[in-house]
C-alpha atoms as a PDB file:
ATOM      1  CA  UNK A   1     116.991  99.882 140.887  1.00  0.00           C
ATOM      2  CA  UNK A   2     118.260 101.796 138.439  1.00  0.00           C
ATOM      3  CA  UNK A   3     120.120 104.872 139.889  1.00  0.00           C
ATOM      4  CA  UNK A   4     118.426 108.180 139.533  1.00  0.00           C
ATOM      5  CA  UNK A   5     120.626 108.932 136.457  1.00  0.00           C
ATOM      6  CA  UNK A   6     120.337 105.372 134.785  1.00  0.00           C
ATOM      7  CA  UNK A   7     117.805 105.431 132.120  1.00  0.00           C
ATOM      8  CA  UNK A   8     115.033 103.135 132.842  1.00  0.00           C
ATOM      9  CA  UNK A   9     115.606  99.126 130.530  1.00  0.00           C
ATOM     10  CA  UNK A  10     113.453  99.577 127.810  1.00  0.00           C
ATOM     11  CA  UNK A  11     110.587  96.688 127.122  1.00  0.00           C
ATOM     12  CA  UNK A  12     112.079  94.043 125.109  1.00  0.00           C
ATOM     13  CA  UNK A  13     109.323  94.105 122.735  1.00  0.00           C
ATOM     14  CA  UNK A  14     109.786  98.036 122.128  1.00  0.00           C
ATOM     15  CA  UNK A  15     110.956  98.441 118.576  1.00  0.00           C
ATOM     16  CA  UNK A  16     111.489 101.479 115.790  1.00  0.00           C
ATOM     17  CA  UNK A  17     109.652 101.454 112.874  1.00  0.00           C
ATOM     18  CA  UNK A  18     111.363 103.520 109.917  1.00  0.00           C
ATOM     19  CA  UNK A  19     111.441 106.298 113.177  1.00  0.00           C
ATOM     20  CA  UNK A  20     108.108 105.530 114.491  1.00  0.00           C
ATOM     21  CA  UNK A  21     108.515 104.069 118.255  1.00  0.00           C
ATOM     22  CA  UNK A  22     106.099 101.399 118.723  1.00  0.00           C
ATOM     23  CA  UNK A  23     105.097  99.241 122.072  1.00  0.00           C
ATOM     24  CA  UNK A  24     105.291  96.278 120.213  1.00  0.00           C
ATOM     25  CA  UNK A  25     105.904  94.824 116.704  1.00  0.00           C
ATOM     26  CA  UNK A  26     102.227  93.961 116.600  1.00  0.00           C
ATOM     27  CA  UNK A  27      99.682  96.131 113.974  1.00  0.00           C
ATOM     28  CA  UNK A  28      96.212  95.343 113.189  1.00  0.00           C
ATOM     29  CA  UNK A  29      96.141  95.183 109.160  1.00  0.00           C
ATOM     30  CA  UNK A  30      94.052  97.425 106.784  1.00  0.00           C
ATOM     31  CA  UNK A  31      90.862  95.935 105.943  1.00  0.00           C
ATOM     32  CA  UNK A  32      90.075  93.394 109.009  1.00  0.00           C
ATOM     33  CA  UNK A  33      89.802  96.000 112.072  1.00  0.00           C
ATOM     34  CA  UNK A  34      87.177  98.450 110.428  1.00  0.00           C
ATOM     35  CA  UNK A  35      88.051 101.830 109.319  1.00  0.00           C
ATOM     36  CA  UNK A  36      89.562 103.594 112.822  1.00  0.00           C
ATOM     37  CA  UNK A  37      88.955 101.912 116.435  1.00  0.00           C
ATOM     38  CA  UNK A  38      85.900  99.515 115.947  1.00  0.00           C
ATOM     39  CA  UNK A  39      88.429  97.034 117.340  1.00  0.00           C
ATOM     40  CA  UNK A  40      88.192  98.524 120.734  1.00  0.00           C
ATOM     41  CA  UNK A  41      85.277  97.029 121.522  1.00  0.00           C
ATOM     42  CA  UNK A  42      87.569  93.756 122.175  1.00  0.00           C
ATOM     43  CA  UNK A  43      91.209  94.710 122.209  1.00  0.00           C
ATOM     44  CA  UNK A  44      92.741  97.045 124.117  1.00  0.00           C
ATOM     45  CA  UNK A  45      94.384  99.259 121.702  1.00  0.00           C
ATOM     46  CA  UNK A  46      96.979 100.909 124.155  1.00  0.00           C
ATOM     47  CA  UNK A  47      98.573  97.423 123.955  1.00  0.00           C
ATOM     48  CA  UNK A  48      99.110  96.886 120.179  1.00  0.00           C
ATOM     49  CA  UNK A  49     102.099  98.684 118.235  1.00  0.00           C
ATOM     50  CA  UNK A  50      99.593 100.358 115.586  1.00  0.00           C
ATOM     51  CA  UNK A  51      96.817 100.225 113.629  1.00  0.00           C
ATOM     52  CA  UNK A  52      96.312 100.202 109.871  1.00  0.00           C
ATOM     53  CA  UNK A  53      92.894 102.098 108.650  1.00  0.00           C
ATOM     54  CA  UNK A  54      91.114 100.763 106.193  1.00  0.00           C
ATOM     55  CA  UNK A  55      91.911 101.068 102.690  1.00  0.00           C
ATOM     56  CA  UNK A  56      90.375 104.556 101.492  1.00  0.00           C
ATOM     57  CA  UNK A  57      89.738 105.305  97.703  1.00  0.00           C
ATOM     58  CA  UNK A  58      88.562 109.025  96.676  1.00  0.00           C
ATOM     59  CA  UNK A  59      85.040 108.159  96.404  1.00  0.00           C
ATOM     60  CA  UNK A  60      83.115 105.996  98.413  1.00  0.00           C
ATOM     61  CA  UNK A  61      82.417 102.168  97.530  1.00  0.00           C
ATOM     62  CA  UNK A  62      79.763  99.672  98.670  1.00  0.00           C
ATOM     63  CA  UNK A  63      82.518  96.896  97.806  1.00  0.00           C
ATOM     64  CA  UNK A  64      81.640  93.205  95.930  1.00  0.00           C
ATOM     65  CA  UNK A  65      78.211  91.630  96.575  1.00  0.00           C
ATOM     66  CA  UNK A  66      77.721  88.525  98.562  1.00  0.00           C
ATOM     67  CA  UNK A  67      79.747  86.068  98.957  1.00  0.00           C
ATOM     68  CA  UNK A  68      82.734  88.169 100.076  1.00  0.00           C
ATOM     69  CA  UNK A  69      84.408  86.093 102.532  1.00  0.00           C
ATOM     70  CA  UNK A  70      84.221  82.250 102.438  1.00  0.00           C
ATOM     71  CA  UNK A  71      86.317  79.981 104.589  1.00  0.00           C
ATOM     72  CA  UNK A  72      89.003  78.108 103.102  1.00  0.00           C
ATOM     73  CA  UNK A  73      90.591  74.521 104.266  1.00  0.00           C
ATOM     74  CA  UNK A  74      94.299  76.804 104.445  1.00  0.00           C
ATOM     75  CA  UNK A  75      92.649  80.309 105.227  1.00  0.00           C
ATOM     76  CA  UNK A  76      90.280  82.942 103.921  1.00  0.00           C
ATOM     77  CA  UNK A  77      88.953  83.563 100.676  1.00  0.00           C
ATOM     78  CA  UNK A  78      88.179  87.127 100.745  1.00  0.00           C
ATOM     79  CA  UNK A  79      87.328  89.875  97.894  1.00  0.00           C
ATOM     80  CA  UNK A  80      85.530  92.503  99.486  1.00  0.00           C
ATOM     81  CA  UNK A  81      86.307  95.045  96.757  1.00  0.00           C
ATOM     82  CA  UNK A  82      87.639  97.891  98.818  1.00  0.00           C
ATOM     83  CA  UNK A  83      84.635  98.799 100.696  1.00  0.00           C
ATOM     84  CA  UNK A  84      85.108 102.302 102.654  1.00  0.00           C
ATOM     85  CA  UNK A  85      83.390 105.563 102.974  1.00  0.00           C
ATOM     86  CA  UNK A  86      85.680 107.885 100.729  1.00  0.00           C
ATOM     87  CA  UNK A  87      87.983 110.354 101.524  1.00  0.00           C
ATOM     88  CA  UNK A  88      85.493 112.934 102.286  1.00  0.00           C
ATOM     89  CA  UNK A  89      83.651 110.857 104.755  1.00  0.00           C
ATOM     90  CA  UNK A  90      86.857 109.667 106.711  1.00  0.00           C
ATOM     91  CA  UNK A  91      88.244 113.522 106.574  1.00  0.00           C
ATOM     92  CA  UNK A  92      84.736 114.496 108.050  1.00  0.00           C
ATOM     93  CA  UNK A  93      84.072 111.462 110.441  1.00  0.00           C
ATOM     94  CA  UNK A  94      87.109 109.702 111.191  1.00  0.00           C
ATOM     95  CA  UNK A  95      90.260 112.225 111.085  1.00  0.00           C
ATOM     96  CA  UNK A  96      89.308 114.711 114.225  1.00  0.00           C
ATOM     97  CA  UNK A  97      89.431 111.483 116.387  1.00  0.00           C
ATOM     98  CA  UNK A  98      92.872 109.697 115.219  1.00  0.00           C
ATOM     99  CA  UNK A  99      94.829 111.747 117.471  1.00  0.00           C
ATOM    100  CA  UNK A 100      92.790 110.609 120.412  1.00  0.00           C
ATOM    101  CA  UNK A 101      93.576 106.687 119.351  1.00  0.00           C
ATOM    102  CA  UNK A 102      96.116 105.142 121.950  1.00  0.00           C
ATOM    103  CA  UNK A 103      98.107 103.309 119.646  1.00  0.00           C
ATOM    104  CA  UNK A 104     100.003 104.252 116.236  1.00  0.00           C
ATOM    105  CA  UNK A 105      97.521 105.067 113.490  1.00  0.00           C
ATOM    106  CA  UNK A 106      98.879 104.077 109.556  1.00  0.00           C
ATOM    107  CA  UNK A 107      96.283 105.388 106.943  1.00  0.00           C
ATOM    108  CA  UNK A 108      96.056 102.713 103.775  1.00  0.00           C
ATOM    109  CA  UNK A 109      95.514 104.236 100.098  1.00  0.00           C
ATOM    110  CA  UNK A 110      94.143 102.153  97.731  1.00  0.00           C
ATOM    111  CA  UNK A 111      93.466 103.864  94.211  1.00  0.00           C
ATOM    112  CA  UNK A 112      93.390 103.390  90.553  1.00  0.00           C
ATOM    113  CA  UNK A 113      95.080 106.013  89.252  1.00  0.00           C
ATOM    114  CA  UNK A 114      98.311 107.906  90.296  1.00  0.00           C
ATOM    115  CA  UNK A 115      96.111 111.343  91.125  1.00  0.00           C
ATOM    116  CA  UNK A 116      93.747 109.311  93.129  1.00  0.00           C
ATOM    117  CA  UNK A 117      96.302 107.974  95.493  1.00  0.00           C
ATOM    118  CA  UNK A 118      98.244 111.600  95.689  1.00  0.00           C
ATOM    119  CA  UNK A 119      94.599 113.253  96.812  1.00  0.00           C
ATOM    120  CA  UNK A 120      94.235 110.492  99.884  1.00  0.00           C
ATOM    121  CA  UNK A 121      97.519 110.130 100.813  1.00  0.00           C
ATOM    122  CA  UNK A 122      97.681 113.934 101.060  1.00  0.00           C
ATOM    123  CA  UNK A 123      94.415 113.956 103.273  1.00  0.00           C
ATOM    124  CA  UNK A 124      96.486 111.572 105.876  1.00  0.00           C
ATOM    125  CA  UNK A 125      99.088 113.804 105.980  1.00  0.00           C
ATOM    126  CA  UNK A 126      97.278 116.491 106.782  1.00  0.00           C
ATOM    127  CA  UNK A 127      95.615 114.519 109.575  1.00  0.00           C
ATOM    128  CA  UNK A 128      96.756 115.182 113.384  1.00  0.00           C
ATOM    129  CA  UNK A 129      97.825 111.700 114.723  1.00  0.00           C
ATOM    130  CA  UNK A 130      98.815 109.403 111.417  1.00  0.00           C
ATOM    131  CA  UNK A 131     102.137 108.588 111.580  1.00  0.00           C
ATOM    132  CA  UNK A 132     102.291 106.845 108.151  1.00  0.00           C
ATOM    133  CA  UNK A 133     100.460 106.043 105.096  1.00  0.00           C
ATOM    134  CA  UNK A 134     100.483 102.656 103.486  1.00  0.00           C
ATOM    135  CA  UNK A 135     100.214 102.340  99.711  1.00  0.00           C
ATOM    136  CA  UNK A 136      98.340  99.308  99.122  1.00  0.00           C
ATOM    137  CA  UNK A 137      99.877  98.461  95.293  1.00  0.00           C
ATOM    138  CA  UNK A 138      98.801  95.303  95.380  1.00  0.00           C
ATOM    139  CA  UNK A 139      94.616  94.336  96.324  1.00  0.00           C
ATOM    140  CA  UNK A 140      93.790  91.148  93.982  1.00  0.00           C
ATOM    141  CA  UNK A 141      90.167  91.896  94.623  1.00  0.00           C
ATOM    142  CA  UNK A 142      89.426  94.732  92.033  1.00  0.00           C
ATOM    143  CA  UNK A 143      90.401  95.197  88.789  1.00  0.00           C
ATOM    144  CA  UNK A 144      93.749  96.612  88.013  1.00  0.00           C
ATOM    145  CA  UNK A 145      94.264  96.488  91.978  1.00  0.00           C
ATOM    146  CA  UNK A 146      97.715  94.720  91.606  1.00  0.00           C
ATOM    147  CA  UNK A 147      99.143  97.006  88.873  1.00  0.00           C
ATOM    148  CA  UNK A 148     100.713  99.151  90.254  1.00  0.00           C
ATOM    149  CA  UNK A 149     102.732  96.585  92.720  1.00  0.00           C
ATOM    150  CA  UNK A 150     103.617  94.612  89.469  1.00  0.00           C
ATOM    151  CA  UNK A 151     105.308  97.277  87.516  1.00  0.00           C
ATOM    152  CA  UNK A 152     108.648  98.466  88.769  1.00  0.00           C
ATOM    153  CA  UNK A 153     108.294 101.771  86.165  1.00  0.00           C
ATOM    154  CA  UNK A 154     104.565 102.621  87.454  1.00  0.00           C
ATOM    155  CA  UNK A 155     105.582 101.897  91.174  1.00  0.00           C
ATOM    156  CA  UNK A 156     108.129 103.968  90.721  1.00  0.00           C
ATOM    157  CA  UNK A 157     105.966 107.144  89.211  1.00  0.00           C
ATOM    158  CA  UNK A 158     103.419 106.576  91.977  1.00  0.00           C
ATOM    159  CA  UNK A 159     105.819 106.867  95.119  1.00  0.00           C
ATOM    160  CA  UNK A 160     107.789 109.802  93.794  1.00  0.00           C
ATOM    161  CA  UNK A 161     104.004 111.777  93.021  1.00  0.00           C
ATOM    162  CA  UNK A 162     102.695 110.531  96.621  1.00  0.00           C
ATOM    163  CA  UNK A 163     106.367 111.246  98.345  1.00  0.00           C
ATOM    164  CA  UNK A 164     105.693 114.872  97.256  1.00  0.00           C
ATOM    165  CA  UNK A 165     102.557 115.279  99.150  1.00  0.00           C
ATOM    166  CA  UNK A 166     103.674 113.652 102.693  1.00  0.00           C
ATOM    167  CA  UNK A 167     106.759 115.106 104.046  1.00  0.00           C
ATOM    168  CA  UNK A 168     105.351 114.623 107.437  1.00  0.00           C
ATOM    169  CA  UNK A 169     104.711 111.210 107.581  1.00  0.00           C
ATOM    170  CA  UNK A 170     106.785 107.705 106.910  1.00  0.00           C
ATOM    171  CA  UNK A 171     105.385 106.139 103.556  1.00  0.00           C
ATOM    172  CA  UNK A 172     105.128 102.423 103.632  1.00  0.00           C
ATOM    173  CA  UNK A 173     104.324 100.583 100.334  1.00  0.00           C
ATOM    174  CA  UNK A 174     102.115  97.340 100.678  1.00  0.00           C
ATOM    175  CA  UNK A 175     103.676  95.060  97.992  1.00  0.00           C
ATOM    176  CA  UNK A 176     101.839  91.646  96.132  1.00  0.00           C
ATOM    177  CA  UNK A 177     103.380  88.267  96.463  1.00  0.00           C
ATOM    178  CA  UNK A 178     102.581  87.572  92.930  1.00  0.00           C
ATOM    179  CA  UNK A 179     105.881  89.159  92.078  1.00  0.00           C
ATOM    180  CA  UNK A 180     108.210  86.103  93.167  1.00  0.00           C
ATOM    181  CA  UNK A 181     108.616  85.234  89.954  1.00  0.00           C
ATOM    182  CA  UNK A 182     108.786  88.311  87.020  1.00  0.00           C
ATOM    183  CA  UNK A 183     109.798  90.834  88.023  1.00  0.00           C
ATOM    184  CA  UNK A 184     110.556  89.735  91.274  1.00  0.00           C
ATOM    185  CA  UNK A 185     110.645  90.873  95.193  1.00  0.00           C
ATOM    186  CA  UNK A 186     113.911  92.611  94.906  1.00  0.00           C
ATOM    187  CA  UNK A 187     113.287  94.564  91.778  1.00  0.00           C
ATOM    188  CA  UNK A 188     109.947  95.731  92.874  1.00  0.00           C
ATOM    189  CA  UNK A 189     111.104  96.629  96.618  1.00  0.00           C
ATOM    190  CA  UNK A 190     114.169  98.628  94.603  1.00  0.00           C
ATOM    191  CA  UNK A 191     111.518 100.550  92.845  1.00  0.00           C
ATOM    192  CA  UNK A 192     109.472 101.546  95.628  1.00  0.00           C
ATOM    193  CA  UNK A 193     112.875 102.349  98.237  1.00  0.00           C
ATOM    194  CA  UNK A 194     114.742 104.062  95.280  1.00  0.00           C
ATOM    195  CA  UNK A 195     112.284 105.602  92.809  1.00  0.00           C
ATOM    196  CA  UNK A 196     114.964 108.357  91.794  1.00  0.00           C
ATOM    197  CA  UNK A 197     117.661 105.557  91.168  1.00  0.00           C
ATOM    198  CA  UNK A 198     118.897 106.526  94.491  1.00  0.00           C
ATOM    199  CA  UNK A 199     119.304 110.530  94.436  1.00  0.00           C
ATOM    200  CA  UNK A 200     118.773 111.419  97.787  1.00  0.00           C
ATOM    201  CA  UNK A 201     115.292 113.238  99.113  1.00  0.00           C
ATOM    202  CA  UNK A 202     114.772 116.165 101.379  1.00  0.00           C
ATOM    203  CA  UNK A 203     116.512 116.701 104.439  1.00  0.00           C
ATOM    204  CA  UNK A 204     115.637 113.484 106.594  1.00  0.00           C
ATOM    205  CA  UNK A 205     113.528 112.380 104.074  1.00  0.00           C
ATOM    206  CA  UNK A 206     114.314 109.164 101.909  1.00  0.00           C
ATOM    207  CA  UNK A 207     113.265 109.764  97.934  1.00  0.00           C
ATOM    208  CA  UNK A 208     110.747 106.891  98.181  1.00  0.00           C
ATOM    209  CA  UNK A 209     109.219 104.171 100.896  1.00  0.00           C
ATOM    210  CA  UNK A 210     110.289 104.544 104.195  1.00  0.00           C
ATOM    211  CA  UNK A 211     108.796 100.518 105.344  1.00  0.00           C
ATOM    212  CA  UNK A 212     108.170  97.947 102.857  1.00  0.00           C
ATOM    213  CA  UNK A 213     105.004  95.703 103.736  1.00  0.00           C
ATOM    214  CA  UNK A 214     105.143  92.479 102.635  1.00  0.00           C
ATOM    215  CA  UNK A 215     102.783  90.634 101.298  1.00  0.00           C
ATOM    216  CA  UNK A 216      98.982  90.942 100.516  1.00  0.00           C
ATOM    217  CA  UNK A 217      96.751  87.987  99.575  1.00  0.00           C
ATOM    218  CA  UNK A 218      97.907  85.514  96.952  1.00  0.00           C
ATOM    219  CA  UNK A 219      95.112  85.486  93.919  1.00  0.00           C
ATOM    220  CA  UNK A 220      92.741  82.705  94.166  1.00  0.00           C
ATOM    221  CA  UNK A 221      89.284  80.880  93.604  1.00  0.00           C
ATOM    222  CA  UNK A 222      87.092  78.512  95.029  1.00  0.00           C
ATOM    223  CA  UNK A 223      84.527  76.659  92.785  1.00  0.00           C
ATOM    224  CA  UNK A 224      81.231  75.368  93.995  1.00  0.00           C
ATOM    225  CA  UNK A 225      81.429  71.443  92.151  1.00  0.00           C
ATOM    226  CA  UNK A 226      77.625  71.096  92.368  1.00  0.00           C
ATOM    227  CA  UNK A 227      76.311  74.395  90.699  1.00  0.00           C
ATOM    228  CA  UNK A 228      79.807  74.789  88.882  1.00  0.00           C
ATOM    229  CA  UNK A 229      79.965  78.253  89.852  1.00  0.00           C
ATOM    230  CA  UNK A 230      82.508  80.399  92.111  1.00  0.00           C
ATOM    231  CA  UNK A 231      82.065  81.098  94.822  1.00  0.00           C
ATOM    232  CA  UNK A 232      82.912  84.494  95.643  1.00  0.00           C
ATOM    233  CA  UNK A 233      80.361  86.834  93.738  1.00  0.00           C
ATOM    234  CA  UNK A 234      83.221  88.237  91.803  1.00  0.00           C
ATOM    235  CA  UNK A 235      84.555  84.853  90.648  1.00  0.00           C
ATOM    236  CA  UNK A 236      88.121  85.394  92.082  1.00  0.00           C
ATOM    237  CA  UNK A 237      89.969  86.854  95.277  1.00  0.00           C
ATOM    238  CA  UNK A 238      92.627  86.549  97.904  1.00  0.00           C
ATOM    239  CA  UNK A 239      93.663  83.659 100.016  1.00  0.00           C
ATOM    240  CA  UNK A 240      94.870  85.014 103.117  1.00  0.00           C
ATOM    241  CA  UNK A 241      96.036  83.195 106.464  1.00  0.00           C
ATOM    242  CA  UNK A 242      98.158  80.031 107.203  1.00  0.00           C
ATOM    243  CA  UNK A 243      98.291  78.902 103.926  1.00  0.00           C
ATOM    244  CA  UNK A 244      99.998  82.210 102.311  1.00  0.00           C
ATOM    245  CA  UNK A 245     102.594  82.119 105.486  1.00  0.00           C
ATOM    246  CA  UNK A 246     105.260  80.630 104.227  1.00  0.00           C
ATOM    247  CA  UNK A 247     105.278  82.396 100.836  1.00  0.00           C
ATOM    248  CA  UNK A 248     105.111  85.435 102.417  1.00  0.00           C
ATOM    249  CA  UNK A 249     108.230  84.768 104.941  1.00  0.00           C
ATOM    250  CA  UNK A 250     110.476  83.915 101.638  1.00  0.00           C
ATOM    251  CA  UNK A 251     109.705  87.037 100.433  1.00  0.00           C
ATOM    252  CA  UNK A 252     110.398  88.935 103.287  1.00  0.00           C
ATOM    253  CA  UNK A 253     113.828  86.632 103.607  1.00  0.00           C
ATOM    254  CA  UNK A 254     114.530  87.650  99.901  1.00  0.00           C
ATOM    255  CA  UNK A 255     113.742  91.528 100.430  1.00  0.00           C
ATOM    256  CA  UNK A 256     115.884  91.619 103.278  1.00  0.00           C
ATOM    257  CA  UNK A 257     118.922  90.010 101.948  1.00  0.00           C
ATOM    258  CA  UNK A 258     118.488  91.653  98.389  1.00  0.00           C
ATOM    259  CA  UNK A 259     117.941  95.344  99.270  1.00  0.00           C
ATOM    260  CA  UNK A 260     116.154  95.817 102.793  1.00  0.00           C
ATOM    261  CA  UNK A 261     119.254  95.089 104.792  1.00  0.00           C
ATOM    262  CA  UNK A 262     121.718  97.122 102.405  1.00  0.00           C
ATOM    263  CA  UNK A 263     119.328 100.137 102.081  1.00  0.00           C
ATOM    264  CA  UNK A 264     118.176 100.293 105.928  1.00  0.00           C
ATOM    265  CA  UNK A 265     114.458  99.748 105.014  1.00  0.00           C
ATOM    266  CA  UNK A 266     112.281  98.066 107.650  1.00  0.00           C
ATOM    267  CA  UNK A 267     109.946  95.616 106.490  1.00  0.00           C
ATOM    268  CA  UNK A 268     106.535  94.547 108.108  1.00  0.00           C
ATOM    269  CA  UNK A 269     105.770  90.827 107.571  1.00  0.00           C
ATOM    270  CA  UNK A 270     102.158  90.262 106.653  1.00  0.00           C
ATOM    271  CA  UNK A 271     100.554  86.672 105.956  1.00  0.00           C
ATOM    272  CA  UNK A 272      99.000  84.257 108.409  1.00  0.00           C
ATOM    273  CA  UNK A 273     100.109  85.594 111.381  1.00  0.00           C
ATOM    274  CA  UNK A 274      97.858  83.707 113.841  1.00  0.00           C
ATOM    275  CA  UNK A 275     100.813  82.571 116.537  1.00  0.00           C
ATOM    276  CA  UNK A 276     103.908  83.744 118.266  1.00  0.00           C
ATOM    277  CA  UNK A 277     105.716  81.191 116.218  1.00  0.00           C
ATOM    278  CA  UNK A 278     104.253  82.595 112.798  1.00  0.00           C
ATOM    279  CA  UNK A 279     105.484  86.287 113.995  1.00  0.00           C
ATOM    280  CA  UNK A 280     109.082  85.302 115.199  1.00  0.00           C
ATOM    281  CA  UNK A 281     109.309  83.650 112.042  1.00  0.00           C
ATOM    282  CA  UNK A 282     109.159  86.853 109.906  1.00  0.00           C
ATOM    283  CA  UNK A 283     111.140  88.692 112.586  1.00  0.00           C
ATOM    284  CA  UNK A 284     113.862  86.176 112.149  1.00  0.00           C
ATOM    285  CA  UNK A 285     113.734  86.430 108.060  1.00  0.00           C
ATOM    286  CA  UNK A 286     114.169  90.348 108.002  1.00  0.00           C
ATOM    287  CA  UNK A 287     110.938  91.794 109.268  1.00  0.00           C
ATOM    288  CA  UNK A 288     110.178  95.085 112.141  1.00  0.00           C
ATOM    289  CA  UNK A 289     107.351  94.491 112.584  1.00  0.00           C
ATOM    290  CA  UNK A 290     103.716  92.308 111.951  1.00  0.00           C
ATOM    291  CA  UNK A 291     100.354  92.593 110.802  1.00  0.00           C
ATOM    292  CA  UNK A 292      97.747  90.657 111.936  1.00  0.00           C
ATOM    293  CA  UNK A 293      94.545  90.072 109.628  1.00  0.00           C
ATOM    294  CA  UNK A 294      92.862  87.059 109.377  1.00  0.00           C
ATOM    295  CA  UNK A 295      94.268  85.846 112.774  1.00  0.00           C
ATOM    296  CA  UNK A 296      91.467  88.615 113.786  1.00  0.00           C
ATOM    297  CA  UNK A 297      88.826  86.391 112.582  1.00  0.00           C
ATOM    298  CA  UNK A 298      89.932  83.652 114.256  1.00  0.00           C
ATOM    299  CA  UNK A 299      90.647  85.361 117.566  1.00  0.00           C
ATOM    300  CA  UNK A 300      90.393  89.204 118.033  1.00  0.00           C
ATOM    301  CA  UNK A 301      92.227  89.105 120.871  1.00  0.00           C
ATOM    302  CA  UNK A 302      95.466  86.935 118.586  1.00  0.00           C
ATOM    303  CA  UNK A 303      97.407  90.460 118.667  1.00  0.00           C
ATOM    304  CA  UNK A 304      97.730  90.402 122.105  1.00  0.00           C
ATOM    305  CA  UNK A 305      98.555  86.773 122.382  1.00  0.00           C
ATOM    306  CA  UNK A 306     101.228  87.020 119.855  1.00  0.00           C
ATOM    307  CA  UNK A 307     102.865  89.899 121.820  1.00  0.00           C
ATOM    308  CA  UNK A 308     102.836  87.668 125.215  1.00  0.00           C
ATOM    309  CA  UNK A 309     104.423  85.128 123.257  1.00  0.00           C
ATOM    310  CA  UNK A 310     106.850  87.322 121.195  1.00  0.00           C
ATOM    311  CA  UNK A 311     108.210  88.479 124.725  1.00  0.00           C
ATOM    312  CA  UNK A 312     108.650  84.801 126.362  1.00  0.00           C
ATOM    313  CA  UNK A 313     110.505  84.113 123.077  1.00  0.00           C
ATOM    314  CA  UNK A 314     113.398  87.212 123.175  1.00  0.00           C
ATOM    315  CA  UNK A 315     113.956  86.513 126.504  1.00  0.00           C
ATOM    316  CA  UNK A 316     114.575  82.616 125.413  1.00  0.00           C
ATOM    317  CA  UNK A 317     116.558  84.037 122.932  1.00  0.00           C
ATOM    318  CA  UNK A 318     118.942  85.437 125.476  1.00  0.00           C
ATOM    319  CA  UNK A 319     118.249  88.937 123.748  1.00  0.00           C
ATOM    320  CA  UNK A 320     117.425  92.094 125.736  1.00  0.00           C
ATOM    321  CA  UNK A 321     115.250  93.582 122.719  1.00  0.00           C
ATOM    322  CA  UNK A 322     113.692  91.847 120.045  1.00  0.00           C
ATOM    323  CA  UNK A 323     115.657  94.541 117.443  1.00  0.00           C
ATOM    324  CA  UNK A 324     118.568  92.088 118.270  1.00  0.00           C
ATOM    325  CA  UNK A 325     116.399  89.493 116.403  1.00  0.00           C
ATOM    326  CA  UNK A 326     115.869  91.209 113.035  1.00  0.00           C
ATOM    327  CA  UNK A 327     117.255  89.062 110.259  1.00  0.00           C
ATOM    328  CA  UNK A 328     118.812  86.758 112.524  1.00  0.00           C
ATOM    329  CA  UNK A 329     118.164  83.549 110.076  1.00  0.00           C
ATOM    330  CA  UNK A 330     121.199  80.929 110.483  1.00  0.00           C
ATOM    331  CA  UNK A 331     122.217  78.853 107.782  1.00  0.00           C
ATOM    332  CA  UNK A 332     120.777  75.646 107.109  1.00  0.00           C
ATOM    333  CA  UNK A 333     121.896  72.820 109.013  1.00  0.00           C
ATOM    334  CA  UNK A 334     123.808  70.036 106.391  1.00  0.00           C
ATOM    335  CA  UNK A 335     123.566  66.561 107.140  1.00  0.00           C
ATOM    336  CA  UNK A 336     126.977  65.201 106.054  1.00  0.00           C
ATOM    337  CA  UNK A 337     127.338  61.720 103.779  1.00  0.00           C
ATOM    338  CA  UNK A 338     129.525  59.284 104.978  1.00  0.00           C
END
């Protein structure tokens, strides 16, 4: 037993996400776990690292018509269309209960204008219990949903404006996978992290994002070959699940080595986490934490299984903390030729 003056050992999965203490690195992704605590009916929220609210817009939205979720051989196609209660209803009906949620709560914002993002982000900043705001700048399921996330200059402007109204909370930016070509994940990440060209922010505050969330769903489509019509009511949507996992791992790896490691900006890996091995890949690639979305549709208790598997993995790796394994990827093994 530890001596009276010796601090108890830190749990192996305990981590720090941009200054936010988490009991483990497993969070529930926006749009997959209800508006706030609906998942509490099937999973003990106190055993999770955190939850991300439904993406909230200024006006309430009904979203796209049926069908807006369909299965795929490699995951799930969805085109929900940002269905949510709107900023006024969230502030009235949900905000008073946030502080009682037994895990970290991140407020997700999605909008179509800088003014809209600012208004919702300011509401979250004023909500007791919200520890961070996640800017969803990468939704492929609405018109112009990826506009901010694919334009570094526009993203930098958005981040500057939102940062000005969120002095109390951490600022997360959820990026799109469609930047793998141009402008590239490093350029977009830099715009989010250093929107002022590297000029420091206020006391103990970064000028831009405190954390990057990589990545959102991949634009995708499915067609019924008999009717020759799109299977989603909107036409196209986003692919999530195992099919996008290797893409997201690559993006996390490139962002970590391209800018996040040097700027000490943590990453949340998102995309196809159904098992602890999926989460471990993200950690090795450079992520501090992960978000689970599609996995909740497969098994609502998936996050608890992921956390349990990660704890066993950390011990097998000979580490005392999962933090030691962040970005721990080794060079590829090469095979010599005779």
